[in-house]
């Protein structure tokens, strides 16, 4: 039974490490989402700027 506290301590240390890794992953993904939103906004703005105005009468 003396192994039980040691095993639990190891498991706890592992889980804390894993949580820290996952938190870093979430932070990285949040930054990537922000970057992709900016790319999308830029792309949509360029697309809107390049559309011909149907009311302008010219081709």
PDB file of N, CA and C in Angstrom:
ATOM      1  N   UNK A   1       0.818  -1.197   0.000  1.00  0.00           N
ATOM      2  CA  UNK A   1       0.000   0.000   0.000  1.00  0.00           C
ATOM      3  C   UNK A   1       0.859   1.257   0.000  1.00  0.00           C
ATOM      4  N   UNK A   2       2.132   1.127   0.311  1.00  0.00           N
ATOM      5  CA  UNK A   2       3.005   2.298   0.325  1.00  0.00           C
ATOM      6  C   UNK A   2       3.288   2.800  -1.090  1.00  0.00           C
ATOM      7  N   UNK A   3       3.022   1.975  -2.087  1.00  0.00           N
ATOM      8  CA  UNK A   3       3.223   2.392  -3.475  1.00  0.00           C
ATOM      9  C   UNK A   3       2.092   3.302  -3.958  1.00  0.00           C
ATOM     10  N   UNK A   4       0.947   3.207  -3.357  1.00  0.00           N
ATOM     11  CA  UNK A   4      -0.216   3.976  -3.793  1.00  0.00           C
ATOM     12  C   UNK A   4       0.017   5.491  -3.759  1.00  0.00           C
ATOM     13  N   UNK A   5       0.514   6.080  -2.677  1.00  0.00           N
ATOM     14  CA  UNK A   5       0.760   7.530  -2.678  1.00  0.00           C
ATOM     15  C   UNK A   5       1.788   7.944  -3.739  1.00  0.00           C
ATOM     16  N   UNK A   6       2.810   7.115  -3.936  1.00  0.00           N
ATOM     17  CA  UNK A   6       3.817   7.425  -4.949  1.00  0.00           C
ATOM     18  C   UNK A   6       3.206   7.382  -6.347  1.00  0.00           C
ATOM     19  N   UNK A   7       2.392   6.387  -6.599  1.00  0.00           N
ATOM     20  CA  UNK A   7       1.727   6.283  -7.899  1.00  0.00           C
ATOM     21  C   UNK A   7       0.803   7.469  -8.125  1.00  0.00           C
ATOM     22  N   UNK A   8       0.070   7.840  -7.104  1.00  0.00           N
ATOM     23  CA  UNK A   8      -0.841   8.970  -7.237  1.00  0.00           C
ATOM     24  C   UNK A   8      -0.072  10.278  -7.449  1.00  0.00           C
ATOM     25  N   UNK A   9       1.057  10.426  -6.805  1.00  0.00           N
ATOM     26  CA  UNK A   9       1.872  11.625  -7.000  1.00  0.00           C
ATOM     27  C   UNK A   9       2.402  11.692  -8.438  1.00  0.00           C
ATOM     28  N   UNK A  10       2.852  10.541  -8.951  1.00  0.00           N
ATOM     29  CA  UNK A  10       3.327  10.502 -10.343  1.00  0.00           C
ATOM     30  C   UNK A  10       2.193  10.822 -11.312  1.00  0.00           C
ATOM     31  N   UNK A  11       1.038  10.229 -11.064  1.00  0.00           N
ATOM     32  CA  UNK A  11      -0.109  10.474 -11.930  1.00  0.00           C
ATOM     33  C   UNK A  11      -0.530  11.942 -11.862  1.00  0.00           C
ATOM     34  N   UNK A  12      -0.518  12.508 -10.677  1.00  0.00           N
ATOM     35  CA  UNK A  12      -0.868  13.910 -10.503  1.00  0.00           C
ATOM     36  C   UNK A  12       0.118  14.810 -11.247  1.00  0.00           C
ATOM     37  N   UNK A  13       1.410  14.507 -11.138  1.00  0.00           N
ATOM     38  CA  UNK A  13       2.432  15.293 -11.837  1.00  0.00           C
ATOM     39  C   UNK A  13       2.241  15.191 -13.350  1.00  0.00           C
ATOM     40  N   UNK A  14       1.951  13.985 -13.827  1.00  0.00           N
ATOM     41  CA  UNK A  14       1.711  13.786 -15.258  1.00  0.00           C
ATOM     42  C   UNK A  14       0.497  14.594 -15.710  1.00  0.00           C
ATOM     43  N   UNK A  15      -0.588  14.519 -14.949  1.00  0.00           N
ATOM     44  CA  UNK A  15      -1.805  15.224 -15.332  1.00  0.00           C
ATOM     45  C   UNK A  15      -1.600  16.740 -15.316  1.00  0.00           C
ATOM     46  N   UNK A  16      -0.855  17.244 -14.352  1.00  0.00           N
ATOM     47  CA  UNK A  16      -0.559  18.677 -14.323  1.00  0.00           C
ATOM     48  C   UNK A  16       0.240  19.082 -15.553  1.00  0.00           C
ATOM     49  N   UNK A  17       1.203  18.262 -15.926  1.00  0.00           N
ATOM     50  CA  UNK A  17       2.007  18.535 -17.117  1.00  0.00           C
ATOM     51  C   UNK A  17       1.139  18.510 -18.361  1.00  0.00           C
ATOM     52  N   UNK A  18       0.258  17.536 -18.444  1.00  0.00           N
ATOM     53  CA  UNK A  18      -0.627  17.410 -19.606  1.00  0.00           C
ATOM     54  C   UNK A  18      -1.575  18.593 -19.708  1.00  0.00           C
ATOM     55  N   UNK A  19      -2.116  19.025 -18.588  1.00  0.00           N
ATOM     56  CA  UNK A  19      -3.000  20.192 -18.573  1.00  0.00           C
ATOM     57  C   UNK A  19      -2.245  21.421 -19.075  1.00  0.00           C
ATOM     58  N   UNK A  20      -1.013  21.601 -18.624  1.00  0.00           N
ATOM     59  CA  UNK A  20      -0.208  22.739 -19.074  1.00  0.00           C
ATOM     60  C   UNK A  20       0.015  22.677 -20.586  1.00  0.00           C
ATOM     61  N   UNK A  21       0.294  21.490 -21.114  1.00  0.00           N
ATOM     62  CA  UNK A  21       0.475  21.337 -22.561  1.00  0.00           C
ATOM     63  C   UNK A  21      -0.811  21.681 -23.311  1.00  0.00           C
ATOM     64  N   UNK A  22      -1.927  21.200 -22.810  1.00  0.00           N
ATOM     65  CA  UNK A  22      -3.209  21.459 -23.470  1.00  0.00           C
ATOM     66  C   UNK A  22      -3.580  22.940 -23.408  1.00  0.00           C
ATOM     67  N   UNK A  23      -3.265  23.597 -22.296  1.00  0.00           N
ATOM     68  CA  UNK A  23      -3.518  25.034 -22.196  1.00  0.00           C
ATOM     69  C   UNK A  23      -2.677  25.794 -23.220  1.00  0.00           C
ATOM     70  N   UNK A  24      -1.430  25.373 -23.406  1.00  0.00           N
ATOM     71  CA  UNK A  24      -0.587  25.991 -24.429  1.00  0.00           C
ATOM     72  C   UNK A  24      -1.177  25.766 -25.821  1.00  0.00           C
ATOM     73  N   UNK A  25      -1.678  24.560 -26.061  1.00  0.00           N
ATOM     74  CA  UNK A  25      -2.293  24.254 -27.357  1.00  0.00           C
ATOM     75  C   UNK A  25      -3.510  25.146 -27.608  1.00  0.00           C
ATOM     76  N   UNK A  26      -4.328  25.343 -26.580  1.00  0.00           N
ATOM     77  CA  UNK A  26      -5.512  26.190 -26.714  1.00  0.00           C
ATOM     78  C   UNK A  26      -5.095  27.626 -27.022  1.00  0.00           C
ATOM     79  N   UNK A  27      -4.070  28.112 -26.346  1.00  0.00           N
ATOM     80  CA  UNK A  27      -3.570  29.462 -26.600  1.00  0.00           C
ATOM     81  C   UNK A  27      -3.076  29.581 -28.037  1.00  0.00           C
ATOM     82  N   UNK A  28      -2.311  28.588 -28.490  1.00  0.00           N
ATOM     83  CA  UNK A  28      -1.811  28.601 -29.868  1.00  0.00           C
ATOM     84  C   UNK A  28      -2.958  28.570 -30.877  1.00  0.00           C
ATOM     85  N   UNK A  29      -3.972  27.757 -30.601  1.00  0.00           N
ATOM     86  CA  UNK A  29      -5.110  27.677 -31.510  1.00  0.00           C
ATOM     87  C   UNK A  29      -5.896  28.982 -31.535  1.00  0.00           C
ATOM     88  N   UNK A  30      -6.000  29.633 -30.393  1.00  0.00           N
ATOM     89  CA  UNK A  30      -6.677  30.926 -30.345  1.00  0.00           C
ATOM     90  C   UNK A  30      -5.958  31.951 -31.201  1.00  0.00           C
ATOM     91  N   UNK A  31      -4.641  31.954 -31.140  1.00  0.00           N
ATOM     92  CA  UNK A  31      -3.845  32.870 -31.960  1.00  0.00           C
ATOM     93  C   UNK A  31      -4.011  32.537 -33.444  1.00  0.00           C
ATOM     94  N   UNK A  32      -4.067  31.260 -33.763  1.00  0.00           N
ATOM     95  CA  UNK A  32      -4.240  30.845 -35.162  1.00  0.00           C
ATOM     96  C   UNK A  32      -5.623  31.248 -35.678  1.00  0.00           C
ATOM     97  N   UNK A  33      -6.641  31.112 -34.857  1.00  0.00           N
ATOM     98  CA  UNK A  33      -7.993  31.525 -35.239  1.00  0.00           C
ATOM     99  C   UNK A  33      -8.012  33.025 -35.527  1.00  0.00           C
ATOM    100  N   UNK A  34      -7.368  33.803 -34.678  1.00  0.00           N
ATOM    101  CA  UNK A  34      -7.300  35.251 -34.887  1.00  0.00           C
ATOM    102  C   UNK A  34      -6.597  35.566 -36.196  1.00  0.00           C
ATOM    103  N   UNK A  35      -5.488  34.897 -36.457  1.00  0.00           N
ATOM    104  CA  UNK A  35      -4.741  35.133 -37.700  1.00  0.00           C
ATOM    105  C   UNK A  35      -5.587  34.774 -38.917  1.00  0.00           C
ATOM    106  N   UNK A  36      -6.271  33.641 -38.856  1.00  0.00           N
ATOM    107  CA  UNK A  36      -7.099  33.217 -39.992  1.00  0.00           C
ATOM    108  C   UNK A  36      -8.284  34.153 -40.206  1.00  0.00           C
ATOM    109  N   UNK A  37      -8.848  34.684 -39.130  1.00  0.00           N
ATOM    110  CA  UNK A  37      -9.926  35.666 -39.273  1.00  0.00           C
ATOM    111  C   UNK A  37      -9.424  36.915 -39.987  1.00  0.00           C
ATOM    112  N   UNK A  38      -8.217  37.339 -39.640  1.00  0.00           N
ATOM    113  CA  UNK A  38      -7.635  38.510 -40.290  1.00  0.00           C
ATOM    114  C   UNK A  38      -7.411  38.243 -41.778  1.00  0.00           C
ATOM    115  N   UNK A  39      -6.924  37.054 -42.104  1.00  0.00           N
ATOM    116  CA  UNK A  39      -6.719  36.695 -43.510  1.00  0.00           C
ATOM    117  C   UNK A  39      -8.064  36.691 -44.239  1.00  0.00           C
ATOM    118  N   UNK A  40      -9.075  36.117 -43.624  1.00  0.00           N
ATOM    119  CA  UNK A  40     -10.401  36.068 -44.232  1.00  0.00           C
ATOM    120  C   UNK A  40     -10.959  37.473 -44.435  1.00  0.00           C
ATOM    121  N   UNK A  41     -10.833  38.318 -43.427  1.00  0.00           N
ATOM    122  CA  UNK A  41     -11.319  39.695 -43.552  1.00  0.00           C
ATOM    123  C   UNK A  41     -10.613  40.420 -44.684  1.00  0.00           C
ATOM    124  N   UNK A  42      -9.313  40.241 -44.787  1.00  0.00           N
ATOM    125  CA  UNK A  42      -8.539  40.886 -45.850  1.00  0.00           C
ATOM    126  C   UNK A  42      -8.979  40.368 -47.216  1.00  0.00           C
ATOM    127  N   UNK A  43      -9.165  39.065 -47.319  1.00  0.00           N
ATOM    128  CA  UNK A  43      -9.592  38.457 -48.583  1.00  0.00           C
ATOM    129  C   UNK A  43     -10.975  38.958 -48.984  1.00  0.00           C
ATOM    130  N   UNK A  44     -11.879  39.014 -48.035  1.00  0.00           N
ATOM    131  CA  UNK A  44     -13.236  39.474 -48.331  1.00  0.00           C
ATOM    132  C   UNK A  44     -13.228  40.948 -48.731  1.00  0.00           C
ATOM    133  N   UNK A  45     -12.407  41.743 -48.092  1.00  0.00           N
ATOM    134  CA  UNK A  45     -12.324  43.168 -48.428  1.00  0.00           C
ATOM    135  C   UNK A  45     -11.778  43.342 -49.841  1.00  0.00           C
ATOM    136  N   UNK A  46     -10.774  42.565 -50.201  1.00  0.00           N
ATOM    137  CA  UNK A  46     -10.218  42.643 -51.556  1.00  0.00           C
ATOM    138  C   UNK A  46     -11.247  42.225 -52.586  1.00  0.00           C
ATOM    139  N   UNK A  47     -11.979  41.187 -52.274  1.00  0.00           N
ATOM    140  CA  UNK A  47     -13.010  40.710 -53.192  1.00  0.00           C
ATOM    141  C   UNK A  47     -14.075  41.768 -53.416  1.00  0.00           C
ATOM    142  N   UNK A  48     -14.500  42.397 -52.322  1.00  0.00           N
ATOM    143  CA  UNK A  48     -15.531  43.434 -52.417  1.00  0.00           C
ATOM    144  C   UNK A  48     -15.015  44.621 -53.216  1.00  0.00           C
ATOM    145  N   UNK A  49     -13.754  44.964 -53.059  1.00  0.00           N
ATOM    146  CA  UNK A  49     -13.172  46.097 -53.771  1.00  0.00           C
ATOM    147  C   UNK A  49     -13.030  45.810 -55.270  1.00  0.00           C
ATOM    148  N   UNK A  50     -12.878  44.559 -55.645  1.00  0.00           N
ATOM    149  CA  UNK A  50     -12.668  44.191 -57.038  1.00  0.00           C
ATOM    150  C   UNK A  50     -13.962  43.953 -57.813  1.00  0.00           C
ATOM    151  N   UNK A  51     -15.086  43.929 -57.136  1.00  0.00           N
ATOM    152  CA  UNK A  51     -16.353  43.687 -57.820  1.00  0.00           C
ATOM    153  C   UNK A  51     -16.737  44.917 -58.654  1.00  0.00           C
ATOM    154  N   UNK A  52     -17.164  44.676 -59.867  1.00  0.00           N
ATOM    155  CA  UNK A  52     -17.635  45.814 -60.666  1.00  0.00           C
ATOM    156  C   UNK A  52     -18.966  46.328 -60.111  1.00  0.00           C
ATOM    157  N   UNK A  53     -19.154  47.603 -60.220  1.00  0.00           N
ATOM    158  CA  UNK A  53     -20.397  48.201 -59.761  1.00  0.00           C
ATOM    159  C   UNK A  53     -21.421  48.097 -60.893  1.00  0.00           C
ATOM    160  N   UNK A  54     -22.496  47.350 -60.706  1.00  0.00           N
ATOM    161  CA  UNK A  54     -23.460  47.172 -61.781  1.00  0.00           C
ATOM    162  C   UNK A  54     -24.195  48.482 -62.119  1.00  0.00           C
ATOM    163  N   UNK A  55     -24.133  49.454 -61.254  1.00  0.00           N
ATOM    164  CA  UNK A  55     -24.826  50.711 -61.503  1.00  0.00           C
ATOM    165  C   UNK A  55     -23.943  51.738 -62.229  1.00  0.00           C
ATOM    166  N   UNK A  56     -22.681  51.378 -62.417  1.00  0.00           N
ATOM    167  CA  UNK A  56     -21.767  52.347 -63.031  1.00  0.00           C
ATOM    168  C   UNK A  56     -22.002  52.478 -64.531  1.00  0.00           C
ATOM    169  N   UNK A  57     -22.576  51.471 -65.163  1.00  0.00           N
ATOM    170  CA  UNK A  57     -22.883  51.543 -66.584  1.00  0.00           C
ATOM    171  C   UNK A  57     -21.731  51.171 -67.491  1.00  0.00           C
ATOM    172  N   UNK A  58     -20.537  51.121 -67.000  1.00  0.00           N
ATOM    173  CA  UNK A  58     -19.390  50.774 -67.829  1.00  0.00           C
ATOM    174  C   UNK A  58     -19.033  49.310 -67.706  1.00  0.00           C
ATOM    175  N   UNK A  59     -18.277  48.838 -68.699  1.00  0.00           N
ATOM    176  CA  UNK A  59     -17.863  47.437 -68.617  1.00  0.00           C
ATOM    177  C   UNK A  59     -16.381  47.327 -68.687  1.00  0.00           C
TER     178      UNK A  59
END
